Amino acid sequence: MNSRTLTRRIRTRRGFSILELVIAIVVIGIISSISVGKIHDILVQQRVYRASNVIQTNVEAAWALAARNRRPIRISWDTASRQIKITDRAGTTTFRKASLGQDPYGLPSGAVTFSNNPVEVYPDGLANNSLLITISVTSPAVTKRISVSRAGLVQQQ
């Protein structure tokens, strides 16, 4: 074999064949389709965790507001607008409001349930009832529970 034949073989083999490109595209497609589902599940899980943290922060703030303002504070859940509201007893002054149905949470209708709605927090540090807030999403199955005692102890489960 002389050097001219070897040079010709090297020159003709400069790119990829169509078969090699199709196989690479198919492999990339399979890997990306598997990972897209996992990424969606992780994003939904993170939305539920962020929403539970916002609810916990707002509920804890209700006890602080009741003590500071020396008047009852109401924690309520509006299912139509998917909002948690921290207001005065009459509902005329809104201290905090978080909409869980919109970005960045985007929780579907019926994902958040309150065991008692509304709950009033009194200036002496006690509430009229305990509270269990459940955030549950079906696809993927993610559930967070926030339990609130009458004395204001907030725990996430």
N, C-alpha and C. Protein backbone atom coordinates (compact mmCIF):
# COMPACT_ATOMS: atom_id res chain seq x y z
N MET A 1 0.85 -1.17 0.00
CA MET A 1 0.00 0.00 0.00
C MET A 1 0.89 1.23 0.00
N ASN A 2 0.67 2.08 -0.93
CA ASN A 2 1.52 3.27 -1.00
C ASN A 2 0.87 4.44 -0.27
N SER A 3 1.56 5.49 -0.17
CA SER A 3 1.09 6.65 0.59
C SER A 3 -0.06 7.37 -0.10
N ARG A 4 -0.15 7.26 -1.41
CA ARG A 4 -1.22 7.91 -2.15
C ARG A 4 -2.58 7.26 -1.83
N THR A 5 -2.65 5.95 -1.74
CA THR A 5 -3.89 5.26 -1.40
C THR A 5 -4.30 5.57 0.03
N LEU A 6 -3.35 5.60 0.93
CA LEU A 6 -3.63 5.92 2.32
C LEU A 6 -4.16 7.35 2.47
N THR A 7 -3.60 8.29 1.73
CA THR A 7 -4.04 9.68 1.77
C THR A 7 -5.47 9.80 1.23
N ARG A 8 -5.79 9.04 0.18
CA ARG A 8 -7.13 9.09 -0.40
C ARG A 8 -8.17 8.55 0.59
N ARG A 9 -7.85 7.49 1.32
CA ARG A 9 -8.78 6.95 2.32
C ARG A 9 -9.02 7.94 3.46
N ILE A 10 -7.99 8.62 3.87
CA ILE A 10 -8.13 9.60 4.95
C ILE A 10 -8.99 10.77 4.48
N ARG A 11 -8.81 11.22 3.23
CA ARG A 11 -9.58 12.34 2.71
C ARG A 11 -11.06 12.02 2.58
N THR A 12 -11.39 10.81 2.18
CA THR A 12 -12.80 10.47 1.99
C THR A 12 -13.54 10.29 3.31
N ARG A 13 -12.88 10.14 4.39
CA ARG A 13 -13.51 9.88 5.69
C ARG A 13 -13.41 11.12 6.58
N ARG A 14 -13.90 12.27 6.13
CA ARG A 14 -13.79 13.50 6.90
C ARG A 14 -15.00 13.77 7.79
N GLY A 15 -16.20 13.33 7.46
CA GLY A 15 -17.41 13.65 8.21
C GLY A 15 -18.09 12.41 8.75
N PHE A 16 -19.32 12.61 9.25
CA PHE A 16 -20.12 11.52 9.77
C PHE A 16 -21.08 11.05 8.68
N SER A 17 -21.42 9.79 8.73
CA SER A 17 -22.42 9.29 7.79
C SER A 17 -23.81 9.62 8.31
N ILE A 18 -24.79 9.53 7.43
CA ILE A 18 -26.18 9.79 7.81
C ILE A 18 -26.63 8.83 8.90
N LEU A 19 -26.23 7.59 8.81
CA LEU A 19 -26.61 6.59 9.81
C LEU A 19 -26.07 6.96 11.18
N GLU A 20 -24.84 7.40 11.26
CA GLU A 20 -24.25 7.81 12.53
C GLU A 20 -24.99 9.01 13.12
N LEU A 21 -25.36 9.98 12.28
CA LEU A 21 -26.10 11.15 12.76
C LEU A 21 -27.49 10.77 13.25
N VAL A 22 -28.18 9.89 12.54
CA VAL A 22 -29.52 9.47 12.96
C VAL A 22 -29.46 8.74 14.30
N ILE A 23 -28.50 7.86 14.47
CA ILE A 23 -28.35 7.13 15.74
C ILE A 23 -28.06 8.10 16.88
N ALA A 24 -27.21 9.08 16.67
CA ALA A 24 -26.90 10.07 17.71
C ALA A 24 -28.14 10.88 18.08
N ILE A 25 -28.94 11.27 17.09
CA ILE A 25 -30.15 12.05 17.36
C ILE A 25 -31.17 11.21 18.12
N VAL A 26 -31.32 9.94 17.77
CA VAL A 26 -32.25 9.06 18.47
C VAL A 26 -31.83 8.88 19.93
N VAL A 27 -30.55 8.68 20.17
CA VAL A 27 -30.05 8.51 21.55
C VAL A 27 -30.28 9.78 22.35
N ILE A 28 -30.00 10.94 21.77
CA ILE A 28 -30.24 12.21 22.46
C ILE A 28 -31.72 12.40 22.75
N GLY A 29 -32.60 12.03 21.82
CA GLY A 29 -34.04 12.13 22.03
C GLY A 29 -34.53 11.25 23.16
N ILE A 30 -34.03 10.04 23.25
CA ILE A 30 -34.43 9.13 24.31
C ILE A 30 -33.99 9.65 25.67
N ILE A 31 -32.77 10.11 25.76
CA ILE A 31 -32.25 10.63 27.03
C ILE A 31 -33.01 11.89 27.46
N SER A 32 -33.30 12.78 26.52
CA SER A 32 -34.01 14.01 26.89
C SER A 32 -35.46 13.72 27.29
N SER A 33 -36.11 12.75 26.64
CA SER A 33 -37.49 12.44 27.03
C SER A 33 -37.56 11.84 28.43
N ILE A 34 -36.57 11.08 28.81
CA ILE A 34 -36.52 10.53 30.17
C ILE A 34 -36.28 11.64 31.19
N SER A 35 -35.38 12.55 30.88
CA SER A 35 -35.03 13.59 31.86
C SER A 35 -36.10 14.67 31.98
N VAL A 36 -36.88 14.93 30.93
CA VAL A 36 -37.91 15.97 31.01
C VAL A 36 -38.96 15.60 32.05
N GLY A 37 -39.36 14.34 32.11
CA GLY A 37 -40.32 13.90 33.12
C GLY A 37 -39.79 14.08 34.53
N LYS A 38 -38.55 13.75 34.74
CA LYS A 38 -37.94 13.91 36.08
C LYS A 38 -37.84 15.38 36.46
N ILE A 39 -37.49 16.22 35.50
CA ILE A 39 -37.37 17.64 35.78
C ILE A 39 -38.72 18.22 36.16
N HIS A 40 -39.78 17.81 35.47
CA HIS A 40 -41.13 18.28 35.80
C HIS A 40 -41.50 17.87 37.23
N ASP A 41 -41.22 16.63 37.61
CA ASP A 41 -41.53 16.17 38.96
C ASP A 41 -40.79 16.99 40.01
N ILE A 42 -39.53 17.28 39.75
CA ILE A 42 -38.73 18.07 40.69
C ILE A 42 -39.28 19.48 40.81
N LEU A 43 -39.69 20.09 39.69
CA LEU A 43 -40.24 21.44 39.73
C LEU A 43 -41.55 21.50 40.52
N VAL A 44 -42.42 20.51 40.34
CA VAL A 44 -43.68 20.47 41.08
C VAL A 44 -43.40 20.31 42.58
N GLN A 45 -42.46 19.43 42.91
CA GLN A 45 -42.10 19.22 44.31
C GLN A 45 -41.57 20.51 44.94
N GLN A 46 -40.74 21.23 44.22
CA GLN A 46 -40.20 22.48 44.75
C GLN A 46 -41.28 23.54 44.93
N ARG A 47 -42.28 23.58 44.03
CA ARG A 47 -43.39 24.52 44.19
C ARG A 47 -44.17 24.23 45.46
N VAL A 48 -44.41 22.96 45.73
CA VAL A 48 -45.15 22.58 46.95
C VAL A 48 -44.34 22.96 48.18
N TYR A 49 -43.04 22.72 48.18
CA TYR A 49 -42.21 23.07 49.33
C TYR A 49 -42.16 24.58 49.55
N ARG A 50 -42.05 25.35 48.46
CA ARG A 50 -42.04 26.81 48.60
C ARG A 50 -43.38 27.32 49.13
N ALA A 51 -44.47 26.76 48.63
CA ALA A 51 -45.79 27.17 49.10
C ALA A 51 -45.96 26.86 50.59
N SER A 52 -45.47 25.71 51.03
CA SER A 52 -45.59 25.36 52.45
C SER A 52 -44.75 26.30 53.31
N ASN A 53 -43.61 26.72 52.82
CA ASN A 53 -42.79 27.68 53.57
C ASN A 53 -43.47 29.04 53.68
N VAL A 54 -44.12 29.47 52.60
CA VAL A 54 -44.83 30.75 52.62
C VAL A 54 -46.00 30.69 53.59
N ILE A 55 -46.73 29.58 53.58
CA ILE A 55 -47.85 29.43 54.52
C ILE A 55 -47.34 29.44 55.95
N GLN A 56 -46.26 28.72 56.22
CA GLN A 56 -45.71 28.70 57.57
C GLN A 56 -45.30 30.09 58.02
N THR A 57 -44.64 30.83 57.16
CA THR A 57 -44.21 32.19 57.49
C THR A 57 -45.40 33.09 57.79
N ASN A 58 -46.44 33.01 56.97
CA ASN A 58 -47.62 33.85 57.18
C ASN A 58 -48.36 33.49 58.47
N VAL A 59 -48.46 32.21 58.77
CA VAL A 59 -49.14 31.79 60.00
C VAL A 59 -48.35 32.26 61.22
N GLU A 60 -47.04 32.12 61.19
CA GLU A 60 -46.23 32.60 62.31
C GLU A 60 -46.35 34.11 62.45
N ALA A 61 -46.45 34.81 61.34
CA ALA A 61 -46.60 36.27 61.39
C ALA A 61 -47.92 36.67 62.02
N ALA A 62 -48.94 35.85 61.87
CA ALA A 62 -50.25 36.17 62.46
C ALA A 62 -50.15 36.26 63.98
N TRP A 63 -49.40 35.37 64.60
CA TRP A 63 -49.23 35.43 66.06
C TRP A 63 -48.46 36.69 66.46
N ALA A 64 -47.45 37.02 65.70
CA ALA A 64 -46.67 38.23 66.00
C ALA A 64 -47.52 39.49 65.82
N LEU A 65 -48.35 39.52 64.78
CA LEU A 65 -49.21 40.68 64.55
C LEU A 65 -50.25 40.84 65.65
N ALA A 66 -50.82 39.72 66.11
CA ALA A 66 -51.82 39.79 67.17
C ALA A 66 -51.21 40.35 68.45
N ALA A 67 -50.01 39.92 68.78
CA ALA A 67 -49.35 40.40 70.00
C ALA A 67 -48.95 41.87 69.85
N ARG A 68 -48.42 42.22 68.70
CA ARG A 68 -47.95 43.59 68.50
C ARG A 68 -49.10 44.58 68.43
N ASN A 69 -50.16 44.24 67.72
CA ASN A 69 -51.29 45.16 67.55
C ASN A 69 -52.30 45.11 68.69
N ARG A 70 -52.19 44.09 69.55
CA ARG A 70 -53.09 43.90 70.69
C ARG A 70 -54.56 43.82 70.27
N ARG A 71 -54.77 43.10 69.18
CA ARG A 71 -56.13 42.84 68.72
C ARG A 71 -56.15 41.54 67.93
N PRO A 72 -57.30 40.90 67.81
CA PRO A 72 -57.37 39.62 67.12
C PRO A 72 -57.02 39.71 65.64
N ILE A 73 -56.37 38.67 65.17
CA ILE A 73 -55.96 38.57 63.77
C ILE A 73 -56.61 37.31 63.20
N ARG A 74 -57.08 37.39 61.96
CA ARG A 74 -57.77 36.28 61.32
C ARG A 74 -56.90 35.69 60.21
N ILE A 75 -56.78 34.36 60.24
CA ILE A 75 -56.11 33.60 59.18
C ILE A 75 -57.22 32.93 58.38
N SER A 76 -57.31 33.22 57.09
CA SER A 76 -58.37 32.63 56.29
C SER A 76 -57.84 32.15 54.94
N TRP A 77 -58.56 31.20 54.38
CA TRP A 77 -58.21 30.63 53.08
C TRP A 77 -59.39 30.87 52.14
N ASP A 78 -59.11 31.50 51.01
CA ASP A 78 -60.13 31.75 50.00
C ASP A 78 -59.93 30.74 48.88
N THR A 79 -60.84 29.77 48.76
CA THR A 79 -60.67 28.70 47.77
C THR A 79 -60.84 29.21 46.34
N ALA A 80 -61.66 30.23 46.14
CA ALA A 80 -61.90 30.73 44.78
C ALA A 80 -60.64 31.37 44.20
N SER A 81 -60.00 32.21 44.99
CA SER A 81 -58.78 32.89 44.50
C SER A 81 -57.50 32.17 44.90
N ARG A 82 -57.63 31.10 45.69
CA ARG A 82 -56.49 30.32 46.20
C ARG A 82 -55.48 31.22 46.92
N GLN A 83 -56.01 32.00 47.86
CA GLN A 83 -55.18 32.94 48.62
C GLN A 83 -55.32 32.68 50.11
N ILE A 84 -54.18 32.76 50.80
CA ILE A 84 -54.20 32.78 52.26
C ILE A 84 -54.10 34.25 52.65
N LYS A 85 -54.97 34.66 53.57
CA LYS A 85 -55.02 36.07 53.97
C LYS A 85 -54.87 36.17 55.48
N ILE A 86 -54.08 37.15 55.90
CA ILE A 86 -53.93 37.50 57.30
C ILE A 86 -54.52 38.90 57.43
N THR A 87 -55.67 38.99 58.10
CA THR A 87 -56.38 40.25 58.21
C THR A 87 -56.75 40.51 59.67
N ASP A 88 -57.32 41.70 59.91
CA ASP A 88 -57.90 41.94 61.22
C ASP A 88 -59.23 41.19 61.30
N ARG A 89 -59.85 41.21 62.46
CA ARG A 89 -61.06 40.40 62.68
C ARG A 89 -62.18 40.80 61.70
N ALA A 90 -62.32 42.06 61.41
CA ALA A 90 -63.38 42.53 60.52
C ALA A 90 -63.06 42.27 59.05
N GLY A 91 -61.80 42.00 58.75
CA GLY A 91 -61.40 41.78 57.37
C GLY A 91 -61.16 43.05 56.58
N THR A 92 -61.11 44.19 57.27
CA THR A 92 -60.93 45.47 56.57
C THR A 92 -59.46 45.78 56.29
N THR A 93 -58.57 45.32 57.15
CA THR A 93 -57.14 45.57 56.97
C THR A 93 -56.45 44.25 56.66
N THR A 94 -55.79 44.19 55.52
CA THR A 94 -55.04 42.99 55.14
C THR A 94 -53.57 43.21 55.47
N PHE A 95 -53.02 42.36 56.32
CA PHE A 95 -51.62 42.47 56.70
C PHE A 95 -50.73 41.68 55.76
N ARG A 96 -51.17 40.49 55.40
CA ARG A 96 -50.40 39.63 54.49
C ARG A 96 -51.36 38.88 53.60
N LYS A 97 -50.89 38.60 52.38
CA LYS A 97 -51.70 37.85 51.44
C LYS A 97 -50.74 37.10 50.51
N ALA A 98 -51.02 35.82 50.29
CA ALA A 98 -50.20 35.03 49.38
C ALA A 98 -51.12 34.26 48.45
N SER A 99 -50.94 34.47 47.17
CA SER A 99 -51.75 33.77 46.17
C SER A 99 -50.98 32.53 45.72
N LEU A 100 -51.50 31.36 46.07
CA LEU A 100 -50.81 30.11 45.76
C LEU A 100 -51.23 29.51 44.44
N GLY A 101 -52.21 30.11 43.77
CA GLY A 101 -52.66 29.60 42.49
C GLY A 101 -51.91 30.17 41.32
N GLN A 102 -51.10 31.19 41.55
CA GLN A 102 -50.36 31.85 40.48
C GLN A 102 -48.87 31.57 40.66
N ASP A 103 -48.09 32.04 39.69
CA ASP A 103 -46.64 31.88 39.79
C ASP A 103 -46.15 32.59 41.03
N PRO A 104 -45.18 32.12 41.70
CA PRO A 104 -44.29 30.99 41.41
C PRO A 104 -44.77 29.65 41.93
N TYR A 105 -45.97 29.59 42.49
CA TYR A 105 -46.43 28.34 43.10
C TYR A 105 -47.28 27.52 42.13
N GLY A 106 -48.26 28.14 41.52
CA GLY A 106 -49.09 27.48 40.51
C GLY A 106 -49.79 26.23 40.98
N LEU A 107 -50.28 26.24 42.22
CA LEU A 107 -50.97 25.06 42.73
C LEU A 107 -52.36 24.94 42.11
N PRO A 108 -52.77 23.74 41.75
CA PRO A 108 -54.08 23.57 41.13
C PRO A 108 -55.21 23.77 42.13
N SER A 109 -56.40 23.94 41.61
CA SER A 109 -57.58 24.11 42.45
C SER A 109 -57.79 22.85 43.30
N GLY A 110 -58.05 23.05 44.57
CA GLY A 110 -58.26 21.92 45.47
C GLY A 110 -57.00 21.33 46.06
N ALA A 111 -55.84 21.90 45.75
CA ALA A 111 -54.58 21.36 46.26
C ALA A 111 -54.35 21.75 47.72
N VAL A 112 -54.93 22.84 48.17
CA VAL A 112 -54.74 23.32 49.53
C VAL A 112 -56.05 23.18 50.29
N THR A 113 -55.98 22.56 51.48
CA THR A 113 -57.17 22.43 52.32
C THR A 113 -56.83 22.90 53.74
N PHE A 114 -57.77 23.58 54.35
CA PHE A 114 -57.67 24.05 55.73
C PHE A 114 -58.65 23.24 56.56
N SER A 115 -58.22 22.76 57.73
CA SER A 115 -59.13 22.01 58.60
C SER A 115 -60.17 22.92 59.23
N ASN A 116 -59.80 24.13 59.57
CA ASN A 116 -60.71 25.12 60.15
C ASN A 116 -60.49 26.43 59.42
N ASN A 117 -61.56 27.01 58.95
CA ASN A 117 -61.43 28.24 58.19
C ASN A 117 -62.58 29.17 58.57
N PRO A 118 -62.33 30.34 59.08
CA PRO A 118 -61.07 30.97 59.46
C PRO A 118 -60.66 30.60 60.89
N VAL A 119 -59.43 30.96 61.20
CA VAL A 119 -58.91 30.80 62.56
C VAL A 119 -58.54 32.19 63.06
N GLU A 120 -58.94 32.49 64.28
CA GLU A 120 -58.62 33.78 64.86
C GLU A 120 -57.55 33.62 65.94
N VAL A 121 -56.57 34.50 65.88
CA VAL A 121 -55.47 34.51 66.84
C VAL A 121 -55.68 35.72 67.74
N TYR A 122 -55.68 35.47 69.05
CA TYR A 122 -55.96 36.53 70.01
C TYR A 122 -54.65 37.11 70.55
N PRO A 123 -54.71 38.31 71.08
CA PRO A 123 -53.49 38.97 71.57
C PRO A 123 -52.80 38.24 72.71
N ASP A 124 -53.53 37.38 73.44
CA ASP A 124 -52.89 36.64 74.54
C ASP A 124 -52.04 35.48 74.04
N GLY A 125 -51.97 35.26 72.71
CA GLY A 125 -51.11 34.22 72.15
C GLY A 125 -51.82 32.91 71.87
N LEU A 126 -53.13 32.86 72.06
CA LEU A 126 -53.89 31.65 71.78
C LEU A 126 -54.83 31.88 70.60
N ALA A 127 -55.14 30.80 69.91
CA ALA A 127 -56.09 30.85 68.80
C ALA A 127 -57.39 30.20 69.23
N ASN A 128 -58.44 30.45 68.47
CA ASN A 128 -59.73 29.85 68.82
C ASN A 128 -59.78 28.37 68.44
N ASN A 129 -58.85 27.90 67.61
CA ASN A 129 -58.85 26.52 67.18
C ASN A 129 -57.46 26.14 66.66
N SER A 130 -57.17 24.86 66.66
CA SER A 130 -55.93 24.42 66.01
C SER A 130 -56.19 24.36 64.51
N LEU A 131 -55.14 24.20 63.74
CA LEU A 131 -55.26 24.28 62.29
C LEU A 131 -54.36 23.26 61.64
N LEU A 132 -54.88 22.55 60.66
CA LEU A 132 -54.08 21.64 59.84
C LEU A 132 -54.27 22.06 58.39
N ILE A 133 -53.16 22.45 57.76
CA ILE A 133 -53.18 22.86 56.36
C ILE A 133 -52.50 21.76 55.56
N THR A 134 -53.15 21.26 54.53
CA THR A 134 -52.60 20.20 53.70
C THR A 134 -52.45 20.71 52.28
N ILE A 135 -51.25 20.53 51.74
CA ILE A 135 -50.98 20.84 50.33
C ILE A 135 -50.71 19.50 49.66
N SER A 136 -51.54 19.15 48.71
CA SER A 136 -51.42 17.84 48.08
C SER A 136 -51.57 17.97 46.57
N VAL A 137 -50.57 17.47 45.84
CA VAL A 137 -50.58 17.47 44.38
C VAL A 137 -50.51 16.01 43.95
N THR A 138 -51.30 15.65 42.94
CA THR A 138 -51.39 14.24 42.55
C THR A 138 -50.31 13.80 41.58
N SER A 139 -49.90 14.66 40.67
CA SER A 139 -48.91 14.23 39.67
C SER A 139 -47.71 15.16 39.68
N PRO A 140 -46.61 14.79 40.26
CA PRO A 140 -46.32 13.60 41.04
C PRO A 140 -46.94 13.71 42.43
N ALA A 141 -47.04 12.61 43.11
CA ALA A 141 -47.68 12.59 44.42
C ALA A 141 -46.79 13.26 45.46
N VAL A 142 -47.12 14.51 45.80
CA VAL A 142 -46.37 15.28 46.80
C VAL A 142 -47.39 15.83 47.79
N THR A 143 -47.14 15.63 49.08
CA THR A 143 -48.04 16.13 50.12
C THR A 143 -47.20 16.75 51.23
N LYS A 144 -47.58 17.96 51.62
CA LYS A 144 -46.98 18.63 52.78
C LYS A 144 -48.11 19.02 53.72
N ARG A 145 -47.86 18.85 55.02
CA ARG A 145 -48.84 19.22 56.04
C ARG A 145 -48.20 20.23 56.98
N ILE A 146 -48.97 21.25 57.29
CA ILE A 146 -48.53 22.26 58.24
C ILE A 146 -49.54 22.22 59.38
N SER A 147 -49.08 21.83 60.55
CA SER A 147 -49.98 21.78 61.70
C SER A 147 -49.66 22.95 62.62
N VAL A 148 -50.73 23.58 63.10
CA VAL A 148 -50.60 24.75 63.95
C VAL A 148 -51.42 24.49 65.22
N SER A 149 -50.76 24.57 66.37
CA SER A 149 -51.46 24.37 67.64
C SER A 149 -52.17 25.66 68.03
N ARG A 150 -53.01 25.56 69.03
CA ARG A 150 -53.72 26.76 69.51
C ARG A 150 -52.75 27.79 70.07
N ALA A 151 -51.59 27.34 70.54
CA ALA A 151 -50.60 28.26 71.11
C ALA A 151 -49.64 28.84 70.08
N GLY A 152 -49.80 28.46 68.81
CA GLY A 152 -48.98 29.04 67.75
C GLY A 152 -47.77 28.24 67.34
N LEU A 153 -47.65 27.01 67.80
CA LEU A 153 -46.53 26.15 67.38
C LEU A 153 -46.83 25.65 65.97
N VAL A 154 -45.94 25.96 65.04
CA VAL A 154 -46.12 25.60 63.64
C VAL A 154 -45.11 24.54 63.28
N GLN A 155 -45.59 23.42 62.73
CA GLN A 155 -44.70 22.32 62.31
C GLN A 155 -45.07 21.87 60.92
N GLN A 156 -44.03 21.59 60.12
CA GLN A 156 -44.24 21.04 58.79
C GLN A 156 -43.95 19.55 58.81
N GLN A 157 -44.78 18.80 58.13
CA GLN A 157 -44.59 17.35 58.06
C GLN A 157 -44.57 16.94 56.61
